Protein backbone atom coordinates (compact mmCIF):
# COMPACT_ATOMS: atom_id res chain seq x y z
CA UNK A 1 -7.83 -38.90 -74.80
CA UNK A 2 -11.57 -38.31 -74.48
CA UNK A 3 -12.27 -41.98 -73.83
CA UNK A 4 -10.06 -42.19 -70.65
CA UNK A 5 -11.85 -39.14 -69.26
CA UNK A 6 -15.29 -40.70 -69.86
CA UNK A 7 -14.15 -44.04 -68.38
CA UNK A 8 -12.79 -42.28 -65.29
CA UNK A 9 -16.02 -40.36 -64.80
CA UNK A 10 -18.09 -43.55 -65.11
CA UNK A 11 -15.81 -45.35 -62.65
CA UNK A 12 -16.04 -42.53 -60.11
CA UNK A 13 -19.85 -42.30 -60.28
CA UNK A 14 -20.11 -46.03 -59.76
CA UNK A 15 -17.81 -46.01 -56.72
CA UNK A 16 -19.38 -42.98 -55.07
CA UNK A 17 -22.80 -44.66 -55.22
CA UNK A 18 -21.43 -47.34 -52.91
CA UNK A 19 -20.11 -44.94 -50.26
CA UNK A 20 -21.68 -45.38 -46.79
CA UNK A 21 -19.54 -43.44 -44.28
CA UNK A 22 -17.59 -40.23 -43.96
CA UNK A 23 -14.34 -42.19 -44.00
CA UNK A 24 -15.34 -43.79 -47.32
CA UNK A 25 -15.81 -40.29 -48.76
CA UNK A 26 -12.40 -39.22 -47.51
CA UNK A 27 -10.77 -42.27 -49.06
CA UNK A 28 -12.47 -41.57 -52.38
CA UNK A 29 -11.35 -37.96 -52.27
CA UNK A 30 -7.74 -38.95 -51.76
CA UNK A 31 -7.97 -41.62 -54.47
CA UNK A 32 -9.24 -39.33 -57.22
CA UNK A 33 -8.06 -35.86 -56.25
CA UNK A 34 -4.80 -36.70 -54.51
CA UNK A 35 -1.35 -35.94 -55.91
CA UNK A 36 -1.01 -39.51 -57.20
CA UNK A 37 -4.61 -39.82 -58.40
CA UNK A 38 -5.86 -40.29 -61.97
CA UNK A 39 -6.80 -36.62 -62.40
CA UNK A 40 -3.21 -35.62 -61.77
CA UNK A 41 -2.00 -38.28 -64.17
CA UNK A 42 -4.30 -36.95 -66.90
CA UNK A 43 -2.88 -33.45 -66.36
CA UNK A 44 0.64 -34.80 -66.83
CA UNK A 45 -0.37 -36.52 -70.08
CA UNK A 46 -1.31 -33.16 -71.60
CA UNK A 47 2.34 -32.74 -72.52
CA UNK A 48 1.93 -35.49 -75.09
CA UNK A 49 -1.15 -33.90 -76.69
CA UNK A 50 -0.71 -31.74 -79.82
CA UNK A 51 -0.63 -28.05 -78.85
CA UNK A 52 -3.77 -27.17 -80.79
CA UNK A 53 -5.80 -29.83 -78.88
CA UNK A 54 -4.50 -29.11 -75.37
CA UNK A 55 -7.02 -26.36 -74.48
CA UNK A 56 -10.06 -28.54 -75.20
CA UNK A 57 -8.65 -31.61 -73.41
CA UNK A 58 -7.50 -29.45 -70.52
CA UNK A 59 -11.00 -28.09 -70.14
CA UNK A 60 -12.48 -31.60 -70.12
CA UNK A 61 -10.05 -32.65 -67.37
CA UNK A 62 -10.88 -29.58 -65.28
CA UNK A 63 -14.62 -30.19 -65.77
CA UNK A 64 -14.19 -33.76 -64.53
CA UNK A 65 -12.14 -32.58 -61.57
CA UNK A 66 -14.84 -30.07 -60.64
CA UNK A 67 -17.58 -32.71 -61.03
CA UNK A 68 -15.73 -35.12 -58.72
CA UNK A 69 -15.09 -32.39 -56.12
CA UNK A 70 -18.74 -31.27 -56.17
CA UNK A 71 -20.06 -34.80 -55.70
CA UNK A 72 -17.64 -35.47 -52.87
CA UNK A 73 -18.45 -32.22 -51.01
CA UNK A 74 -22.21 -32.77 -51.35
CA UNK A 75 -22.08 -36.37 -50.14
CA UNK A 76 -19.65 -35.48 -47.36
CA UNK A 77 -22.05 -32.84 -46.01
CA UNK A 78 -24.98 -35.28 -46.10
CA UNK A 79 -23.08 -38.03 -44.33
CA UNK A 80 -21.75 -35.69 -41.62
CA UNK A 81 -25.27 -34.41 -40.93
CA UNK A 82 -26.64 -37.97 -40.89
CA UNK A 83 -23.94 -39.20 -38.52
CA UNK A 84 -24.49 -36.28 -36.15
CA UNK A 85 -28.24 -36.86 -36.14
CA UNK A 86 -27.74 -40.54 -35.41
CA UNK A 87 -25.30 -39.74 -32.62
CA UNK A 88 -27.69 -37.24 -31.03
CA UNK A 89 -30.57 -39.70 -31.19
CA UNK A 90 -28.52 -42.22 -29.21
CA UNK A 91 -27.48 -39.74 -26.52
CA UNK A 92 -29.57 -38.97 -23.46
CA UNK A 93 -29.72 -35.75 -21.48
CA UNK A 94 -30.39 -35.87 -17.75
CA UNK A 95 -32.32 -32.66 -17.11
CA UNK A 96 -32.18 -33.28 -13.35
CA UNK A 97 -28.44 -32.64 -13.23
CA UNK A 98 -27.52 -29.23 -11.79
CA UNK A 99 -26.07 -26.70 -14.21
CA UNK A 100 -22.40 -25.94 -14.23
CA UNK A 101 -21.66 -22.91 -12.13
CA UNK A 102 -19.74 -20.20 -13.97
CA UNK A 103 -16.75 -18.72 -12.21
CA UNK A 104 -17.16 -15.05 -11.32
CA UNK A 105 -14.39 -12.51 -11.40
CA UNK A 106 -13.84 -10.06 -8.59
CA UNK A 107 -11.89 -7.00 -7.58
CA UNK A 108 -8.30 -7.39 -6.46
CA UNK A 109 -7.97 -6.97 -2.67
CA UNK A 110 -5.93 -3.82 -3.22
CA UNK A 111 -8.64 -2.36 -5.45
CA UNK A 112 -11.27 -3.23 -2.84
CA UNK A 113 -9.25 -1.50 -0.14
CA UNK A 114 -8.51 1.53 -2.33
CA UNK A 115 -12.21 1.98 -3.05
CA UNK A 116 -12.98 1.72 0.66
CA UNK A 117 -10.30 4.24 1.63
CA UNK A 118 -11.37 6.70 -1.06
CA UNK A 119 -14.93 6.38 0.19
CA UNK A 120 -13.89 7.18 3.76
CA UNK A 121 -11.71 10.14 2.86
CA UNK A 122 -14.19 11.67 0.42
CA UNK A 123 -16.69 11.36 3.25
CA UNK A 124 -14.30 13.50 5.31
CA UNK A 125 -14.38 16.21 2.66
CA UNK A 126 -11.42 15.26 0.45
CA UNK A 127 -11.68 15.24 -3.35
CA UNK A 128 -9.71 12.83 -5.55
CA UNK A 129 -6.87 13.92 -7.84
CA UNK A 130 -4.51 11.80 -9.93
CA UNK A 131 -0.90 12.45 -10.87
CA UNK A 132 1.28 10.89 -13.60
CA UNK A 133 3.31 7.72 -12.96
CA UNK A 134 6.10 9.04 -15.20
CA UNK A 135 7.13 12.49 -14.09
CA UNK A 136 9.88 15.08 -14.11
CA UNK A 137 12.57 15.55 -11.53
CA UNK A 138 11.04 18.97 -10.89
CA UNK A 139 7.65 17.77 -9.65
CA UNK A 140 8.93 14.61 -7.97
CA UNK A 141 11.85 16.22 -6.14
CA UNK A 142 12.79 19.85 -6.74
CA UNK A 143 9.44 21.50 -6.02
CA UNK A 144 9.15 19.34 -2.87
CA UNK A 145 12.30 20.87 -1.40
CA UNK A 146 14.68 17.98 -2.13
CA UNK A 147 18.17 19.40 -2.39
CA UNK A 148 20.25 18.25 -5.40
CA UNK A 149 22.42 15.97 -3.24
CA UNK A 150 19.57 14.26 -1.37
CA UNK A 151 20.01 10.42 -1.26
CA UNK A 152 16.47 9.84 -2.61
CA UNK A 153 17.65 11.22 -5.96
CA UNK A 154 20.29 8.52 -6.34
CA UNK A 155 19.91 5.55 -8.63
CA UNK A 156 19.66 3.08 -5.73
CA UNK A 157 16.27 4.58 -4.80
CA UNK A 158 14.80 5.97 -8.00
CA UNK A 159 14.12 4.46 -11.43
CA UNK A 160 15.35 7.09 -13.90
CA UNK A 161 14.23 7.00 -17.54
CA UNK A 162 16.49 9.92 -18.46
CA UNK A 163 18.43 12.44 -16.35
CA UNK A 164 15.28 14.48 -15.72
CA UNK A 165 12.47 11.92 -16.28
CA UNK A 166 11.68 9.18 -13.77
CA UNK A 167 9.09 6.82 -12.34
CA UNK A 168 7.58 8.71 -9.43
CA UNK A 169 8.78 7.63 -6.01
CA UNK A 170 5.72 8.96 -4.18
CA UNK A 171 2.27 10.35 -4.91
CA UNK A 172 3.48 13.67 -3.50
CA UNK A 173 4.24 14.68 -7.09
CA UNK A 174 0.62 15.87 -7.25
CA UNK A 175 1.07 18.55 -4.57
CA UNK A 176 2.57 21.37 -6.63
CA UNK A 177 0.25 20.71 -9.55
CA UNK A 178 -2.81 21.14 -7.34
CA UNK A 179 -1.41 24.25 -5.67
CA UNK A 180 -0.60 25.86 -9.02
CA UNK A 181 -4.19 25.47 -10.24
CA UNK A 182 -6.21 26.00 -7.04
CA UNK A 183 -6.42 28.49 -4.22
CA UNK A 184 -6.89 27.37 -0.59
CA UNK A 185 -8.78 25.82 0.99
CA UNK A 186 -7.39 22.69 -0.67
CA UNK A 187 -8.39 19.25 0.58
CA UNK A 188 -7.41 16.45 -1.81
CA UNK A 189 -6.26 12.83 -1.87
CA UNK A 190 -4.13 11.32 -4.63
CA UNK A 191 -4.20 7.51 -4.89
CA UNK A 192 -1.81 5.71 -7.21
CA UNK A 193 1.17 3.45 -7.80
CA UNK A 194 4.74 4.43 -6.92
CA UNK A 195 8.13 2.89 -7.77
CA UNK A 196 11.34 2.48 -5.79
CA UNK A 197 14.48 0.50 -6.47
CA UNK A 198 14.39 -1.59 -3.31
CA UNK A 199 15.04 -5.20 -2.37
CA UNK A 200 11.86 -7.26 -2.62
CA UNK A 201 11.00 -8.83 0.74
CA UNK A 202 7.89 -9.83 2.68
CA UNK A 203 7.51 -6.16 3.70
CA UNK A 204 8.66 -4.17 0.66
CA UNK A 205 8.45 -4.21 -3.13
CA UNK A 206 9.77 -2.22 -6.10
CA UNK A 207 6.27 -0.91 -6.78
CA UNK A 208 3.37 -0.39 -4.42
CA UNK A 209 0.43 1.95 -3.85
CA UNK A 210 0.13 5.14 -1.86
CA UNK A 211 -2.67 7.49 -0.92
CA UNK A 212 -1.49 11.08 -0.67
CA UNK A 213 -3.59 13.45 1.45
CA UNK A 214 -3.17 17.24 1.39
CA UNK A 215 -5.08 19.82 3.40
CA UNK A 216 -4.19 23.53 3.08
CA UNK A 217 -6.11 26.36 4.69
CA UNK A 218 -5.68 29.08 7.24
CA UNK A 219 -4.68 27.95 10.75
CA UNK A 220 -4.14 24.26 9.92
CA UNK A 221 -2.08 22.58 12.67
CA UNK A 222 -0.59 19.24 13.62
CA UNK A 223 -3.67 18.64 15.75
CA UNK A 224 -5.74 18.60 12.57
CA UNK A 225 -3.38 15.99 11.08
CA UNK A 226 -3.57 13.76 14.18
CA UNK A 227 -7.34 14.05 14.47
CA UNK A 228 -7.93 13.34 10.78
CA UNK A 229 -5.65 10.32 10.82
CA UNK A 230 -7.25 8.89 13.98
CA UNK A 231 -10.73 9.38 12.55
CA UNK A 232 -9.73 7.77 9.26
CA UNK A 233 -8.12 4.73 10.90
CA UNK A 234 -11.11 4.22 13.20
CA UNK A 235 -13.47 4.19 10.22
CA UNK A 236 -11.17 1.94 8.19
CA UNK A 237 -10.61 -0.72 10.84
CA UNK A 238 -14.03 -0.21 12.47
CA UNK A 239 -12.40 -0.13 15.90
CA UNK A 240 -10.10 2.01 17.98
CA UNK A 241 -6.55 1.56 16.68
CA UNK A 242 -3.41 2.24 18.67
CA UNK A 243 -1.40 4.89 16.83
CA UNK A 244 2.08 6.25 17.36
CA UNK A 245 3.51 9.43 15.84
CA UNK A 246 7.31 9.47 15.76
CA UNK A 247 9.34 12.57 14.83
CA UNK A 248 11.02 12.11 11.46
CA UNK A 249 12.58 14.14 8.67
CA UNK A 250 11.16 14.60 5.18
CA UNK A 251 12.31 17.49 2.98
CA UNK A 252 8.74 18.51 2.10
CA UNK A 253 7.34 18.76 5.65
CA UNK A 254 8.38 20.60 8.80
CA UNK A 255 7.90 19.20 11.35
CA UNK A 256 7.71 15.66 10.00
CA UNK A 257 6.41 12.45 11.56
CA UNK A 258 6.11 8.78 10.82
CA UNK A 259 2.78 7.20 11.69
CA UNK A 260 2.69 3.70 13.16
CA UNK A 261 -0.24 1.54 14.12
CA UNK A 262 -0.30 -1.38 16.52
CA UNK A 263 0.33 -4.59 14.58
CA UNK A 264 -2.97 -6.44 14.30
CA UNK A 265 -1.28 -9.54 12.87
CA UNK A 266 0.30 -10.31 16.23
CA UNK A 267 -1.77 -7.99 18.45
CA UNK A 268 1.39 -6.09 19.36
CA UNK A 269 3.30 -9.15 20.56
CA UNK A 270 5.84 -9.05 17.72
CA UNK A 271 6.02 -10.92 14.41
CA UNK A 272 8.08 -10.85 11.17
CA UNK A 273 5.64 -8.36 9.63
CA UNK A 274 6.29 -5.74 12.31
CA UNK A 275 9.92 -6.80 12.80
CA UNK A 276 8.95 -8.00 16.28
CA UNK A 277 8.33 -4.45 17.48
CA UNK A 278 4.54 -4.65 17.76
CA UNK A 279 4.23 -1.59 15.48
CA UNK A 280 3.91 -1.17 11.74
CA UNK A 281 4.73 2.03 9.87
CA UNK A 282 1.93 3.01 7.49
CA UNK A 283 2.65 6.63 6.53
CA UNK A 284 5.03 9.54 6.49
CA UNK A 285 3.39 12.87 7.31
CA UNK A 286 3.84 16.37 8.65
CA UNK A 287 3.15 20.04 8.13
CA UNK A 288 3.83 21.12 4.56
CA UNK A 289 7.17 22.93 4.39
CA UNK A 290 6.80 26.70 3.78
CA UNK A 291 9.14 26.42 0.80
CA UNK A 292 6.85 23.80 -0.80
CA UNK A 293 3.85 26.11 -0.35
CA UNK A 294 5.83 28.95 -1.84
CA UNK A 295 6.87 26.78 -4.83
CA UNK A 296 3.21 26.04 -5.41
CA UNK A 297 2.29 29.71 -5.43
CA UNK A 298 0.76 29.82 -1.92
CA UNK A 299 1.82 32.36 0.72
CA UNK A 300 3.13 30.36 3.75
CA UNK A 301 2.60 33.40 5.98
CA UNK A 302 -1.14 33.22 5.32
CA UNK A 303 -1.75 29.51 4.87
CA UNK A 304 -0.51 26.26 6.38
CA UNK A 305 -1.29 22.65 5.69
CA UNK A 306 -0.57 19.03 6.39
CA UNK A 307 0.19 16.12 4.07
CA UNK A 308 0.66 12.40 4.38
CA UNK A 309 1.71 9.59 2.08
CA UNK A 310 0.21 6.28 3.18
CA UNK A 311 1.17 2.82 1.95
CA UNK A 312 -1.87 0.82 0.84
CA UNK A 313 -0.34 -2.66 0.89
CA UNK A 314 0.60 -2.53 4.56
CA UNK A 315 -2.87 -1.36 5.50
CA UNK A 316 -4.41 -4.26 3.59
CA UNK A 317 -1.98 -6.65 5.22
CA UNK A 318 -3.26 -5.45 8.57
CA UNK A 319 -6.90 -5.56 7.51
CA UNK A 320 -6.69 -9.05 5.99
CA UNK A 321 -4.00 -10.68 8.12
CA UNK A 322 -1.63 -11.11 5.15
CA UNK A 323 1.99 -11.84 6.01
CA UNK A 324 3.76 -11.29 2.67
CA UNK A 325 3.43 -8.24 0.37
CA UNK A 326 4.57 -10.31 -2.63
CA UNK A 327 1.26 -12.19 -2.67
CA UNK A 328 -0.46 -9.10 -4.09
CA UNK A 329 1.46 -9.31 -7.38
CA UNK A 330 1.82 -13.07 -7.94
CA UNK A 331 -1.71 -13.49 -9.40
CA UNK A 332 -2.22 -16.76 -7.54
CA UNK A 333 -5.94 -17.52 -7.72
CA UNK A 334 -5.75 -19.50 -4.49
CA UNK A 335 -4.86 -16.24 -2.78
CA UNK A 336 -7.07 -13.86 -4.77
CA UNK A 337 -10.22 -16.01 -4.54
CA UNK A 338 -10.23 -15.56 -0.77
CA UNK A 339 -11.24 -11.93 -1.30
CA UNK A 340 -13.79 -12.43 -4.07
CA UNK A 341 -17.42 -12.17 -3.07
CA UNK A 342 -19.38 -15.29 -4.05
């Protein structure tokens, strides 16, 4: 069997000397090392060799296989390098062409607005606190004076994870935590995402962002709330903004109010965004209920305070002239790129 091995080696070396291209190398590789090639046939013939001679013949076959593979790999590398060099020598590079401009990322319009609002409110003396998105019924409802049968506790409004664990429905869940750890004066804001089981429309979504503001000290009044809100809105919109404070009920404030601003999308004439009223609600607010202060460990006979929960998306819609809240979460670059600084 030694003679067929030597003949095959001689044949291979002769044929590989004639190879000119990478495709020729590939064809030779398939011919000799493929499943139907002569190396494989020699391996099958080992069955007919006496057992005592098989190891030596097997080694000779493997040595030939390795020799063929080495020659092919070496020549293949040389030809690939030669072909690439030839290709590059034939190509031209126009150095006068302008470079390709790389796309730049940017902050989401909500993030931009949140940063701006935090900057304004910290400039007014508020510090920033963060509460958990997943919270207990106690901090989200009970400590805020929600009675057990209040509609906001029902499944149609709140996403419950378990009977006593839920996705927070407002950033007000930070209030009691701050009161428990700090003594007045307290002046904090709590930005974050909130979740409510609502129908998704142009004006509402199942998750959105709020900025909670809390101010507790001696002799805090509604006048302080109105003045702070007016000052904040003036700085945010960089102009005088028409505001409207409507009496409303919230379990955690007394008295309570809803804060509206004149719709800038239609200049108060009426549009789908403001439901053709000329006004857009941006926040619920009021004087912190004495029971909430008491639950937080603060004496309501000595201290008072105000709080508001403001919706970020509606403010941004006013600032940017956006008509549909769903655009913020669709990740459409045609929309987002309008707010990216170039």
